[in-house]
Amino acid sequence: MINIGKINKLNVVKKQGADVYLDSGTSGKVLLADKKLSANCHVGDILEVFVYVDPDGHLAATGKMPLAQVDDIAWLKVVSLNYVGVFLDWGLPKDLLVPFSEQHHEMEVGRSYLVKIFLDDQNRIAATTKIDRFISDESADFEAGQKVSLIIAEQTELGFKAIVNNTHWGLLYQNELFQPLRKGQKLDGYIKKIRDDHKIDLSIHHPGYGKVLSLTDNILVKLKENDGVLLLSDKSPPEAIYKSFGVSKKVFKQAISALYKKKLITLDKNGIRLV
């Protein structure tokens, strides 16, 4: 079945002059609007294309890929406006409409916003800034330690709200962050825990001892590369530790403690040394 507003793999079923038609999976056909791609394909080819509804209400496809698809939440820039709404640059020749009725606040040309991409009742692709109705505050089937995709939404007193897998809200705590974050930024993260109120706590580091085990190996490599000396210790600033190893001070302290107990390193106030 064809998915409008998504990337599909479709068969070329007909060439008529410069026009190329793809199999929609139903009785109709999809016109390939990408003329450059049309010139280089043949009947029987399978093409990866983005499918949409053209201004005349017909299915069409292009080999150009958008920055986001239907059901995604994305950070997109307003490039123009008219009497029906504003238009966003989403990587395709035809800009993406945010109708005035789908704007939480008035949107300005040149600024970027978090939007949800959806299909309207006529299967036309549009976007909205009213994303809360699509995102749940409570956990679904997430588990602690699960890897997820995150989009940074806004900063709060506790840290940063983030959108988890385009469907749920979660929180990254400020005291556990050792890198700058910005609104709209995409990154991988992990479910730290599901709280008693079913809210989601997040981390950008894999929780648990497995992280420490991989870090100990990394520390030993760095020691060998630096003649057995590393000018970092459990007294070093968190920023210095993160710059060197990309982990929090707590995780680093666990790792060097594990190495010390195995008598692989010695500790002093200036750093650590390989035994």
C-alpha atoms as a PDB file:
ATOM      1  CA  MET A   1       0.000   0.000   0.000  1.00  0.00           C
ATOM      2  CA  ILE A   2       1.266   3.462  -0.894  1.00  0.00           C
ATOM      3  CA  ASN A   3       2.010   5.918   1.935  1.00  0.00           C
ATOM      4  CA  ILE A   4       1.368   9.577   1.101  1.00  0.00           C
ATOM      5  CA  GLY A   5       3.875  11.927   2.666  1.00  0.00           C
ATOM      6  CA  LYS A   6       6.399   9.135   3.087  1.00  0.00           C
ATOM      7  CA  ILE A   7       9.283   7.598   1.183  1.00  0.00           C
ATOM      8  CA  ASN A   8       8.074   4.588  -0.836  1.00  0.00           C
ATOM      9  CA  LYS A   9       9.694   1.979  -3.083  1.00  0.00           C
ATOM     10  CA  LEU A  10       7.591   1.819  -6.274  1.00  0.00           C
ATOM     11  CA  ASN A  11       7.862  -0.027  -9.576  1.00  0.00           C
ATOM     12  CA  VAL A  12       8.055   1.806 -12.892  1.00  0.00           C
ATOM     13  CA  VAL A  13       5.085   0.439 -14.853  1.00  0.00           C
ATOM     14  CA  LYS A  14       4.789   2.789 -17.839  1.00  0.00           C
ATOM     15  CA  LYS A  15       6.763   5.320 -19.894  1.00  0.00           C
ATOM     16  CA  GLN A  16       4.829   7.603 -22.230  1.00  0.00           C
ATOM     17  CA  GLY A  17       6.988  10.195 -23.945  1.00  0.00           C
ATOM     18  CA  ALA A  18       8.762  12.118 -21.180  1.00  0.00           C
ATOM     19  CA  ASP A  19       6.247  10.941 -18.557  1.00  0.00           C
ATOM     20  CA  VAL A  20       6.969   8.038 -16.224  1.00  0.00           C
ATOM     21  CA  TYR A  21       4.295   6.298 -14.142  1.00  0.00           C
ATOM     22  CA  LEU A  22       4.764   4.240 -10.993  1.00  0.00           C
ATOM     23  CA  ASP A  23       2.594   1.474  -9.553  1.00  0.00           C
ATOM     24  CA  SER A  24       0.445   2.812  -6.693  1.00  0.00           C
ATOM     25  CA  GLY A  25      -0.636  -0.644  -5.567  1.00  0.00           C
ATOM     26  CA  THR A  26      -4.228   0.151  -6.554  1.00  0.00           C
ATOM     27  CA  SER A  27      -5.933   0.765  -9.892  1.00  0.00           C
ATOM     28  CA  GLY A  28      -4.284   4.175 -10.330  1.00  0.00           C
ATOM     29  CA  LYS A  29      -0.753   5.194 -11.231  1.00  0.00           C
ATOM     30  CA  VAL A  30       1.632   7.738  -9.721  1.00  0.00           C
ATOM     31  CA  LEU A  31       3.238  10.332 -11.994  1.00  0.00           C
ATOM     32  CA  LEU A  32       6.958  10.762 -11.461  1.00  0.00           C
ATOM     33  CA  ALA A  33       7.310  14.547 -11.352  1.00  0.00           C
ATOM     34  CA  ASP A  34      11.105  14.446 -11.148  1.00  0.00           C
ATOM     35  CA  LYS A  35      12.075  14.872 -14.821  1.00  0.00           C
ATOM     36  CA  LYS A  36      15.777  14.265 -14.241  1.00  0.00           C
ATOM     37  CA  LEU A  37      15.036  10.929 -12.590  1.00  0.00           C
ATOM     38  CA  SER A  38      12.451  10.094 -15.288  1.00  0.00           C
ATOM     39  CA  ALA A  39      15.034  10.348 -18.070  1.00  0.00           C
ATOM     40  CA  ASN A  40      17.221   7.643 -16.532  1.00  0.00           C
ATOM     41  CA  CYS A  41      14.736   4.937 -15.562  1.00  0.00           C
ATOM     42  CA  HIS A  42      13.047   2.037 -17.353  1.00  0.00           C
ATOM     43  CA  VAL A  43       9.927  -0.074 -16.977  1.00  0.00           C
ATOM     44  CA  GLY A  44      10.562  -2.634 -14.230  1.00  0.00           C
ATOM     45  CA  ASP A  45      12.912  -0.424 -12.228  1.00  0.00           C
ATOM     46  CA  ILE A  46      12.205   0.016  -8.508  1.00  0.00           C
ATOM     47  CA  LEU A  47      12.575   3.631  -7.381  1.00  0.00           C
ATOM     48  CA  GLU A  48      12.786   5.099  -3.904  1.00  0.00           C
ATOM     49  CA  VAL A  49      10.567   8.188  -4.062  1.00  0.00           C
ATOM     50  CA  PHE A  50       8.654  10.626  -1.891  1.00  0.00           C
ATOM     51  CA  VAL A  51       4.901  10.523  -2.628  1.00  0.00           C
ATOM     52  CA  TYR A  52       2.558  13.514  -2.318  1.00  0.00           C
ATOM     53  CA  VAL A  53      -0.716  14.907  -3.713  1.00  0.00           C
ATOM     54  CA  ASP A  54      -0.249  17.582  -6.397  1.00  0.00           C
ATOM     55  CA  PRO A  55      -2.354  20.802  -6.598  1.00  0.00           C
ATOM     56  CA  ASP A  56      -4.839  19.011  -8.889  1.00  0.00           C
ATOM     57  CA  GLY A  57      -5.434  16.265  -6.328  1.00  0.00           C
ATOM     58  CA  HIS A  58      -3.415  13.587  -8.153  1.00  0.00           C
ATOM     59  CA  LEU A  59      -0.727  11.353  -6.701  1.00  0.00           C
ATOM     60  CA  ALA A  60       2.807  12.373  -7.681  1.00  0.00           C
ATOM     61  CA  ALA A  61       6.322  11.339  -6.697  1.00  0.00           C
ATOM     62  CA  THR A  62       9.812  12.781  -6.641  1.00  0.00           C
ATOM     63  CA  GLY A  63      13.293  11.401  -6.087  1.00  0.00           C
ATOM     64  CA  LYS A  64      14.151  14.485  -4.024  1.00  0.00           C
ATOM     65  CA  MET A  65      13.987  13.714  -0.320  1.00  0.00           C
ATOM     66  CA  PRO A  66      12.441  16.101   2.243  1.00  0.00           C
ATOM     67  CA  LEU A  67      14.025  16.990   5.568  1.00  0.00           C
ATOM     68  CA  ALA A  68      11.105  15.257   7.306  1.00  0.00           C
ATOM     69  CA  GLN A  69       8.080  13.111   6.470  1.00  0.00           C
ATOM     70  CA  VAL A  70       4.471  12.841   7.626  1.00  0.00           C
ATOM     71  CA  ASP A  71       4.277  11.973  11.367  1.00  0.00           C
ATOM     72  CA  ASP A  72       7.746  13.448  11.986  1.00  0.00           C
ATOM     73  CA  ILE A  73       8.449  16.434  14.199  1.00  0.00           C
ATOM     74  CA  ALA A  74      11.084  18.718  12.693  1.00  0.00           C
ATOM     75  CA  TRP A  75      12.831  22.044  13.221  1.00  0.00           C
ATOM     76  CA  LEU A  76      12.087  24.006  10.041  1.00  0.00           C
ATOM     77  CA  LYS A  77      12.571  27.581   8.862  1.00  0.00           C
ATOM     78  CA  VAL A  78       9.829  29.942   7.644  1.00  0.00           C
ATOM     79  CA  VAL A  79      10.717  31.261   4.185  1.00  0.00           C
ATOM     80  CA  SER A  80       7.522  33.099   3.139  1.00  0.00           C
ATOM     81  CA  LEU A  81       3.908  33.875   4.028  1.00  0.00           C
ATOM     82  CA  ASN A  82       0.656  34.733   2.285  1.00  0.00           C
ATOM     83  CA  TYR A  83      -3.065  34.991   3.032  1.00  0.00           C
ATOM     84  CA  VAL A  84      -3.435  31.264   3.940  1.00  0.00           C
ATOM     85  CA  GLY A  85      -0.429  30.818   6.219  1.00  0.00           C
ATOM     86  CA  VAL A  86       3.342  30.554   6.282  1.00  0.00           C
ATOM     87  CA  PHE A  87       5.612  28.294   4.256  1.00  0.00           C
ATOM     88  CA  LEU A  88       8.552  26.252   5.522  1.00  0.00           C
ATOM     89  CA  ASP A  89      11.702  25.110   3.750  1.00  0.00           C
ATOM     90  CA  TRP A  90      11.653  21.311   4.051  1.00  0.00           C
ATOM     91  CA  GLY A  91      14.082  20.467   1.274  1.00  0.00           C
ATOM     92  CA  LEU A  92      11.620  20.170  -1.629  1.00  0.00           C
ATOM     93  CA  PRO A  93      10.894  22.702  -4.414  1.00  0.00           C
ATOM     94  CA  LYS A  94       7.341  23.234  -3.112  1.00  0.00           C
ATOM     95  CA  ASP A  95       7.491  24.669   0.420  1.00  0.00           C
ATOM     96  CA  LEU A  96       5.446  23.204   3.281  1.00  0.00           C
ATOM     97  CA  LEU A  97       2.333  25.081   4.437  1.00  0.00           C
ATOM     98  CA  VAL A  98       1.468  25.869   8.040  1.00  0.00           C
ATOM     99  CA  PRO A  99      -2.111  27.241   7.877  1.00  0.00           C
ATOM    100  CA  PHE A 100      -2.927  30.134  10.209  1.00  0.00           C
ATOM    101  CA  SER A 101      -5.311  27.791  12.063  1.00  0.00           C
ATOM    102  CA  GLU A 102      -2.375  25.484  12.856  1.00  0.00           C
ATOM    103  CA  GLN A 103      -0.140  28.205  14.334  1.00  0.00           C
ATOM    104  CA  HIS A 104       0.116  28.304  18.107  1.00  0.00           C
ATOM    105  CA  HIS A 105       1.548  31.816  17.852  1.00  0.00           C
ATOM    106  CA  GLU A 106       2.172  34.096  14.892  1.00  0.00           C
ATOM    107  CA  MET A 107       5.155  32.793  12.942  1.00  0.00           C
ATOM    108  CA  GLU A 108       7.834  35.056  11.462  1.00  0.00           C
ATOM    109  CA  VAL A 109       9.801  34.757   8.227  1.00  0.00           C
ATOM    110  CA  GLY A 110      13.425  33.836   8.913  1.00  0.00           C
ATOM    111  CA  ARG A 111      12.740  32.061  12.208  1.00  0.00           C
ATOM    112  CA  SER A 112      12.667  28.295  12.766  1.00  0.00           C
ATOM    113  CA  TYR A 113      10.007  26.341  14.652  1.00  0.00           C
ATOM    114  CA  LEU A 114       9.255  22.833  15.842  1.00  0.00           C
ATOM    115  CA  VAL A 115       6.392  21.490  13.728  1.00  0.00           C
ATOM    116  CA  LYS A 116       4.506  18.240  13.304  1.00  0.00           C
ATOM    117  CA  ILE A 117       3.940  17.149   9.708  1.00  0.00           C
ATOM    118  CA  PHE A 118       0.529  15.622   8.996  1.00  0.00           C
ATOM    119  CA  LEU A 119      -2.035  14.851   6.281  1.00  0.00           C
ATOM    120  CA  ASP A 120      -5.152  17.011   6.196  1.00  0.00           C
ATOM    121  CA  ASP A 121      -8.640  15.650   5.386  1.00  0.00           C
ATOM    122  CA  GLN A 122      -7.836  15.890   1.644  1.00  0.00           C
ATOM    123  CA  ASN A 123      -4.531  14.001   1.989  1.00  0.00           C
ATOM    124  CA  ARG A 124      -2.533  17.192   1.465  1.00  0.00           C
ATOM    125  CA  ILE A 125       0.687  17.482   3.441  1.00  0.00           C
ATOM    126  CA  ALA A 126       0.751  20.327   5.966  1.00  0.00           C
ATOM    127  CA  ALA A 127       2.425  21.208   9.257  1.00  0.00           C
ATOM    128  CA  THR A 128       1.380  22.534  12.651  1.00  0.00           C
ATOM    129  CA  THR A 129       3.104  24.142  15.618  1.00  0.00           C
ATOM    130  CA  LYS A 130       0.361  22.764  17.883  1.00  0.00           C
ATOM    131  CA  ILE A 131       2.391  19.664  18.595  1.00  0.00           C
ATOM    132  CA  ASP A 132       1.174  18.950  22.137  1.00  0.00           C
ATOM    133  CA  ARG A 133      -1.915  17.148  20.872  1.00  0.00           C
ATOM    134  CA  PHE A 134       0.337  14.596  19.173  1.00  0.00           C
ATOM    135  CA  ILE A 135       2.735  13.993  22.087  1.00  0.00           C
ATOM    136  CA  SER A 136       2.004  12.068  25.276  1.00  0.00           C
ATOM    137  CA  ASP A 137       3.289  13.052  28.725  1.00  0.00           C
ATOM    138  CA  GLU A 138       3.215   9.475  29.978  1.00  0.00           C
ATOM    139  CA  SER A 139       5.345   6.503  28.985  1.00  0.00           C
ATOM    140  CA  ALA A 140       4.107   3.815  26.639  1.00  0.00           C
ATOM    141  CA  ASP A 141       6.181   0.635  26.358  1.00  0.00           C
ATOM    142  CA  PHE A 142       9.576   2.219  26.973  1.00  0.00           C
ATOM    143  CA  GLU A 143      12.107   0.437  29.178  1.00  0.00           C
ATOM    144  CA  ALA A 144      15.094   1.721  31.129  1.00  0.00           C
ATOM    145  CA  GLY A 145      18.226   1.573  28.988  1.00  0.00           C
ATOM    146  CA  GLN A 146      16.297   1.651  25.695  1.00  0.00           C
ATOM    147  CA  LYS A 147      17.933   3.677  22.923  1.00  0.00           C
ATOM    148  CA  VAL A 148      15.660   6.369  21.470  1.00  0.00           C
ATOM    149  CA  SER A 149      15.789   9.341  19.112  1.00  0.00           C
ATOM    150  CA  LEU A 150      15.465  12.782  20.691  1.00  0.00           C
ATOM    151  CA  ILE A 151      14.583  16.269  19.485  1.00  0.00           C
ATOM    152  CA  ILE A 152      15.413  19.063  21.920  1.00  0.00           C
ATOM    153  CA  ALA A 153      12.275  21.166  22.487  1.00  0.00           C
ATOM    154  CA  GLU A 154      12.869  23.780  25.180  1.00  0.00           C
ATOM    155  CA  GLN A 155      14.893  24.576  28.272  1.00  0.00           C
ATOM    156  CA  THR A 156      13.258  24.456  31.710  1.00  0.00           C
ATOM    157  CA  GLU A 157      14.450  25.078  35.267  1.00  0.00           C
ATOM    158  CA  LEU A 158      15.400  21.404  35.564  1.00  0.00           C
ATOM    159  CA  GLY A 159      17.007  20.900  32.175  1.00  0.00           C
ATOM    160  CA  PHE A 160      15.691  20.311  28.649  1.00  0.00           C
ATOM    161  CA  LYS A 161      12.380  18.900  27.502  1.00  0.00           C
ATOM    162  CA  ALA A 162      12.888  16.521  24.603  1.00  0.00           C
ATOM    163  CA  ILE A 163      10.568  14.718  22.214  1.00  0.00           C
ATOM    164  CA  VAL A 164      11.135  10.959  22.313  1.00  0.00           C
ATOM    165  CA  ASN A 165      10.648   9.016  19.044  1.00  0.00           C
ATOM    166  CA  ASN A 166       8.296  11.778  17.788  1.00  0.00           C
ATOM    167  CA  THR A 167       5.611  10.594  20.242  1.00  0.00           C
ATOM    168  CA  HIS A 168       6.425  11.312  23.902  1.00  0.00           C
ATOM    169  CA  TRP A 169       7.843  13.995  26.188  1.00  0.00           C
ATOM    170  CA  GLY A 170      10.917  13.293  28.285  1.00  0.00           C
ATOM    171  CA  LEU A 171      13.356  15.292  30.399  1.00  0.00           C
ATOM    172  CA  LEU A 172      17.133  15.641  30.307  1.00  0.00           C
ATOM    173  CA  TYR A 173      18.438  16.975  33.641  1.00  0.00           C
ATOM    174  CA  GLN A 174      20.796  19.953  33.523  1.00  0.00           C
ATOM    175  CA  ASN A 175      23.174  18.547  36.158  1.00  0.00           C
ATOM    176  CA  GLU A 176      23.766  15.498  33.949  1.00  0.00           C
ATOM    177  CA  LEU A 177      24.562  17.442  30.785  1.00  0.00           C
ATOM    178  CA  PHE A 178      28.123  18.339  29.864  1.00  0.00           C
ATOM    179  CA  GLN A 179      27.605  19.564  26.329  1.00  0.00           C
ATOM    180  CA  PRO A 180      25.623  22.470  24.874  1.00  0.00           C
ATOM    181  CA  LEU A 181      22.164  21.682  23.506  1.00  0.00           C
ATOM    182  CA  ARG A 182      19.952  23.797  21.239  1.00  0.00           C
ATOM    183  CA  LYS A 183      16.284  23.821  20.373  1.00  0.00           C
ATOM    184  CA  GLY A 184      15.533  21.594  17.388  1.00  0.00           C
ATOM    185  CA  GLN A 185      18.737  19.560  17.788  1.00  0.00           C
ATOM    186  CA  LYS A 186      18.445  15.850  16.959  1.00  0.00           C
ATOM    187  CA  LEU A 187      20.491  13.288  18.858  1.00  0.00           C
ATOM    188  CA  ASP A 188      20.378   9.747  20.198  1.00  0.00           C
ATOM    189  CA  GLY A 189      19.528   9.233  23.837  1.00  0.00           C
ATOM    190  CA  TYR A 190      18.425   6.597  26.329  1.00  0.00           C
ATOM    191  CA  ILE A 191      15.519   6.022  28.685  1.00  0.00           C
ATOM    192  CA  LYS A 192      17.061   6.574  32.096  1.00  0.00           C
ATOM    193  CA  LYS A 193      13.968   5.547  34.033  1.00  0.00           C
ATOM    194  CA  ILE A 194      10.166   5.673  34.078  1.00  0.00           C
ATOM    195  CA  ARG A 195       9.094   7.634  37.161  1.00  0.00           C
ATOM    196  CA  ASP A 196       6.237   6.665  39.491  1.00  0.00           C
ATOM    197  CA  ASP A 197       4.058   9.307  37.800  1.00  0.00           C
ATOM    198  CA  HIS A 198       4.825   7.604  34.426  1.00  0.00           C
ATOM    199  CA  LYS A 199       6.923  10.532  33.205  1.00  0.00           C
ATOM    200  CA  ILE A 200      10.128   9.772  31.306  1.00  0.00           C
ATOM    201  CA  ASP A 201      13.612  10.680  32.527  1.00  0.00           C
ATOM    202  CA  LEU A 202      16.257  10.682  29.798  1.00  0.00           C
ATOM    203  CA  SER A 203      20.013  10.500  29.444  1.00  0.00           C
ATOM    204  CA  ILE A 204      22.342  11.089  26.516  1.00  0.00           C
ATOM    205  CA  HIS A 205      24.633   8.388  27.953  1.00  0.00           C
ATOM    206  CA  HIS A 206      23.817   4.709  28.166  1.00  0.00           C
ATOM    207  CA  PRO A 207      22.883   4.066  31.805  1.00  0.00           C
ATOM    208  CA  GLY A 208      24.372   1.210  33.758  1.00  0.00           C
ATOM    209  CA  TYR A 209      27.705  -0.471  34.274  1.00  0.00           C
ATOM    210  CA  GLY A 210      28.136  -1.388  30.624  1.00  0.00           C
ATOM    211  CA  LYS A 211      29.105   2.233  29.982  1.00  0.00           C
ATOM    212  CA  VAL A 212      31.807   1.982  32.652  1.00  0.00           C
ATOM    213  CA  LEU A 213      33.241  -1.187  31.167  1.00  0.00           C
ATOM    214  CA  SER A 214      33.724   0.398  27.740  1.00  0.00           C
ATOM    215  CA  LEU A 215      35.141   3.556  29.320  1.00  0.00           C
ATOM    216  CA  THR A 216      37.809   1.654  31.297  1.00  0.00           C
ATOM    217  CA  ASP A 217      39.213   0.299  28.054  1.00  0.00           C
ATOM    218  CA  ASN A 218      39.236   3.814  26.600  1.00  0.00           C
ATOM    219  CA  ILE A 219      41.080   5.180  29.642  1.00  0.00           C
ATOM    220  CA  LEU A 220      43.749   2.480  29.365  1.00  0.00           C
ATOM    221  CA  VAL A 221      44.264   3.301  25.683  1.00  0.00           C
ATOM    222  CA  LYS A 222      44.645   7.016  26.485  1.00  0.00           C
ATOM    223  CA  LEU A 223      47.149   6.214  29.254  1.00  0.00           C
ATOM    224  CA  LYS A 224      49.295   4.130  26.907  1.00  0.00           C
ATOM    225  CA  GLU A 225      49.204   6.895  24.303  1.00  0.00           C
ATOM    226  CA  ASN A 226      50.378   9.446  26.892  1.00  0.00           C
ATOM    227  CA  ASP A 227      53.355   7.556  28.389  1.00  0.00           C
ATOM    228  CA  GLY A 228      51.220   6.116  31.183  1.00  0.00           C
ATOM    229  CA  VAL A 229      50.042   9.463  32.573  1.00  0.00           C
ATOM    230  CA  LEU A 230      46.646  11.173  32.325  1.00  0.00           C
ATOM    231  CA  LEU A 231      46.130  14.575  33.904  1.00  0.00           C
ATOM    232  CA  LEU A 232      42.538  13.877  34.878  1.00  0.00           C
ATOM    233  CA  SER A 233      41.244  12.674  38.225  1.00  0.00           C
ATOM    234  CA  ASP A 234      38.080  12.486  40.306  1.00  0.00           C
ATOM    235  CA  LYS A 235      38.802  16.108  41.258  1.00  0.00           C
ATOM    236  CA  SER A 236      38.883  17.365  37.663  1.00  0.00           C
ATOM    237  CA  PRO A 237      36.122  19.684  36.366  1.00  0.00           C
ATOM    238  CA  PRO A 238      33.198  17.851  34.690  1.00  0.00           C
ATOM    239  CA  GLU A 239      33.772  19.854  31.492  1.00  0.00           C
ATOM    240  CA  ALA A 240      37.370  18.618  31.194  1.00  0.00           C
ATOM    241  CA  ILE A 241      36.269  15.009  31.668  1.00  0.00           C
ATOM    242  CA  TYR A 242      33.526  15.332  29.086  1.00  0.00           C
ATOM    243  CA  LYS A 243      35.887  16.947  26.580  1.00  0.00           C
ATOM    244  CA  SER A 244      38.289  13.995  26.861  1.00  0.00           C
ATOM    245  CA  PHE A 245      35.867  11.065  27.132  1.00  0.00           C
ATOM    246  CA  GLY A 246      32.336  12.320  26.409  1.00  0.00           C
ATOM    247  CA  VAL A 247      30.973  11.088  29.761  1.00  0.00           C
ATOM    248  CA  SER A 248      29.801  12.591  33.037  1.00  0.00           C
ATOM    249  CA  LYS A 249      32.116  12.981  36.020  1.00  0.00           C
ATOM    250  CA  LYS A 250      30.134  10.294  37.885  1.00  0.00           C
ATOM    251  CA  VAL A 251      30.714   7.696  35.152  1.00  0.00           C
ATOM    252  CA  PHE A 252      34.416   8.639  34.917  1.00  0.00           C
ATOM    253  CA  LYS A 253      34.860   8.207  38.690  1.00  0.00           C
ATOM    254  CA  GLN A 254      33.244   4.757  38.514  1.00  0.00           C
ATOM    255  CA  ALA A 255      35.618   3.770  35.721  1.00  0.00           C
ATOM    256  CA  ILE A 256      38.838   4.856  37.432  1.00  0.00           C
ATOM    257  CA  SER A 257      37.632   3.243  40.672  1.00  0.00           C
ATOM    258  CA  ALA A 258      37.217  -0.042  38.801  1.00  0.00           C
ATOM    259  CA  LEU A 259      40.730   0.281  37.328  1.00  0.00           C
ATOM    260  CA  TYR A 260      42.208   1.137  40.743  1.00  0.00           C
ATOM    261  CA  LYS A 261      40.606  -1.897  42.380  1.00  0.00           C
ATOM    262  CA  LYS A 262      42.165  -4.085  39.673  1.00  0.00           C
ATOM    263  CA  LYS A 263      45.534  -2.441  40.492  1.00  0.00           C
ATOM    264  CA  LEU A 264      45.925  -1.228  36.912  1.00  0.00           C
ATOM    265  CA  ILE A 265      46.371   2.455  37.863  1.00  0.00           C
ATOM    266  CA  THR A 266      47.502   4.630  40.723  1.00  0.00           C
ATOM    267  CA  LEU A 267      45.780   7.849  41.760  1.00  0.00           C
ATOM    268  CA  ASP A 268      47.108  11.205  42.861  1.00  0.00           C
ATOM    269  CA  LYS A 269      45.663  14.731  43.082  1.00  0.00           C
ATOM    270  CA  ASN A 270      46.873  15.657  39.591  1.00  0.00           C
ATOM    271  CA  GLY A 271      45.749  12.614  37.663  1.00  0.00           C
ATOM    272  CA  ILE A 272      46.152   8.894  37.160  1.00  0.00           C
ATOM    273  CA  ARG A 273      49.129   6.709  36.226  1.00  0.00           C
ATOM    274  CA  LEU A 274      49.402   3.315  34.601  1.00  0.00           C
ATOM    275  CA  VAL A 275      50.941   0.675  36.875  1.00  0.00           C
END
